[in-house]
Amino acid sequence: MIAIPAVATQARSAKLLVWLFNVVGSLDLIGAITLATVYNAAPFMGPAYWIPAFWVPALLVTHYLTFLVLLRGRWPA
């Protein structure tokens, strides 16, 4: 949550905070996918099946695109 205002105000720490957010968020998603697979969570999801079906792939794509922006150096000035 700290990265958003840092980017909006173009703070010096913005790029570092976005890196931190992206790495931690990616690791969290990978951990959640792994645990859901290991413990076979799908049969217990009920009507909440749309969360992993829609949001998790969208979040993975968003993290990937953010890594591309960070690595290619096209950071907003």
Protein backbone atom coordinates (compact mmCIF):
# COMPACT_ATOMS: atom_id res chain seq x y z
CA MET A 1 0.00 0.00 0.00
CA ILE A 2 2.97 2.29 0.52
CA ALA A 3 4.13 1.85 -3.08
CA ILE A 4 1.01 3.49 -4.57
CA PRO A 5 1.42 6.96 -3.01
CA ALA A 6 5.19 6.73 -3.56
CA VAL A 7 4.66 6.21 -7.30
CA ALA A 8 1.91 8.85 -7.44
CA THR A 9 4.16 11.47 -5.82
CA GLN A 10 7.26 10.28 -7.72
CA ALA A 11 9.15 9.68 -4.48
CA ARG A 12 12.75 8.48 -4.65
CA SER A 13 11.81 5.23 -2.97
CA ALA A 14 9.02 4.42 -5.45
CA LYS A 15 10.98 2.04 -7.65
CA LEU A 16 12.35 0.10 -4.67
CA LEU A 17 8.88 -0.15 -3.13
CA VAL A 18 7.39 -1.43 -6.39
CA TRP A 19 10.17 -4.04 -6.61
CA LEU A 20 9.45 -5.11 -3.05
CA PHE A 21 5.70 -5.26 -3.69
CA ASN A 22 6.14 -7.25 -6.88
CA VAL A 23 8.57 -9.81 -5.45
CA VAL A 24 6.54 -10.37 -2.27
CA GLY A 25 3.25 -10.49 -4.21
CA SER A 26 4.63 -12.99 -6.72
CA LEU A 27 5.98 -15.23 -3.97
CA ASP A 28 2.63 -15.04 -2.17
CA LEU A 29 0.75 -16.10 -5.30
CA ILE A 30 3.15 -18.96 -5.96
CA GLY A 31 2.80 -20.09 -2.35
CA ALA A 32 -0.99 -19.93 -2.50
CA ILE A 33 -1.11 -21.89 -5.76
CA THR A 34 1.24 -24.51 -4.33
CA LEU A 35 -0.72 -24.92 -1.10
CA ALA A 36 -4.05 -25.11 -2.94
CA THR A 37 -2.64 -27.80 -5.19
CA VAL A 38 -1.01 -29.81 -2.39
CA TYR A 39 -4.12 -29.76 -0.21
CA ASN A 40 -6.57 -30.20 -3.13
CA ALA A 41 -8.60 -27.11 -2.29
CA ALA A 42 -10.70 -27.10 -5.47
CA PRO A 43 -13.55 -29.35 -4.21
CA PHE A 44 -13.99 -27.11 -1.17
CA MET A 45 -14.11 -23.77 -3.02
CA GLY A 46 -17.85 -23.84 -3.70
CA PRO A 47 -19.11 -20.61 -5.29
CA ALA A 48 -15.73 -18.95 -4.69
CA TYR A 49 -14.24 -20.92 -7.60
CA TRP A 50 -14.10 -17.70 -9.62
CA ILE A 51 -11.31 -16.33 -7.38
CA PRO A 52 -8.59 -18.71 -8.60
CA ALA A 53 -10.21 -19.02 -12.02
CA PHE A 54 -10.14 -15.27 -12.79
CA TRP A 55 -8.15 -13.22 -10.29
CA VAL A 56 -5.06 -15.39 -9.87
CA PRO A 57 -4.22 -15.48 -13.60
CA ALA A 58 -4.92 -11.75 -13.82
CA LEU A 59 -2.60 -11.09 -10.89
CA LEU A 60 0.14 -13.27 -12.38
CA VAL A 61 -0.05 -11.34 -15.67
CA THR A 62 0.02 -8.03 -13.79
CA HIS A 63 3.11 -9.07 -11.83
CA TYR A 64 4.80 -10.26 -15.03
CA LEU A 65 4.11 -6.96 -16.80
CA THR A 66 5.37 -5.01 -13.79
CA PHE A 67 8.61 -7.02 -13.84
CA LEU A 68 8.99 -6.21 -17.54
CA VAL A 69 8.57 -2.48 -16.89
CA LEU A 70 11.04 -2.59 -14.01
CA LEU A 71 13.64 -4.61 -15.90
CA ARG A 72 13.45 -2.71 -19.19
CA GLY A 73 14.06 0.60 -17.46
CA ARG A 74 10.96 2.30 -18.81
CA TRP A 75 10.15 3.72 -15.43
CA PRO A 76 7.94 6.86 -15.49
CA ALA A 77 10.04 9.95 -14.94
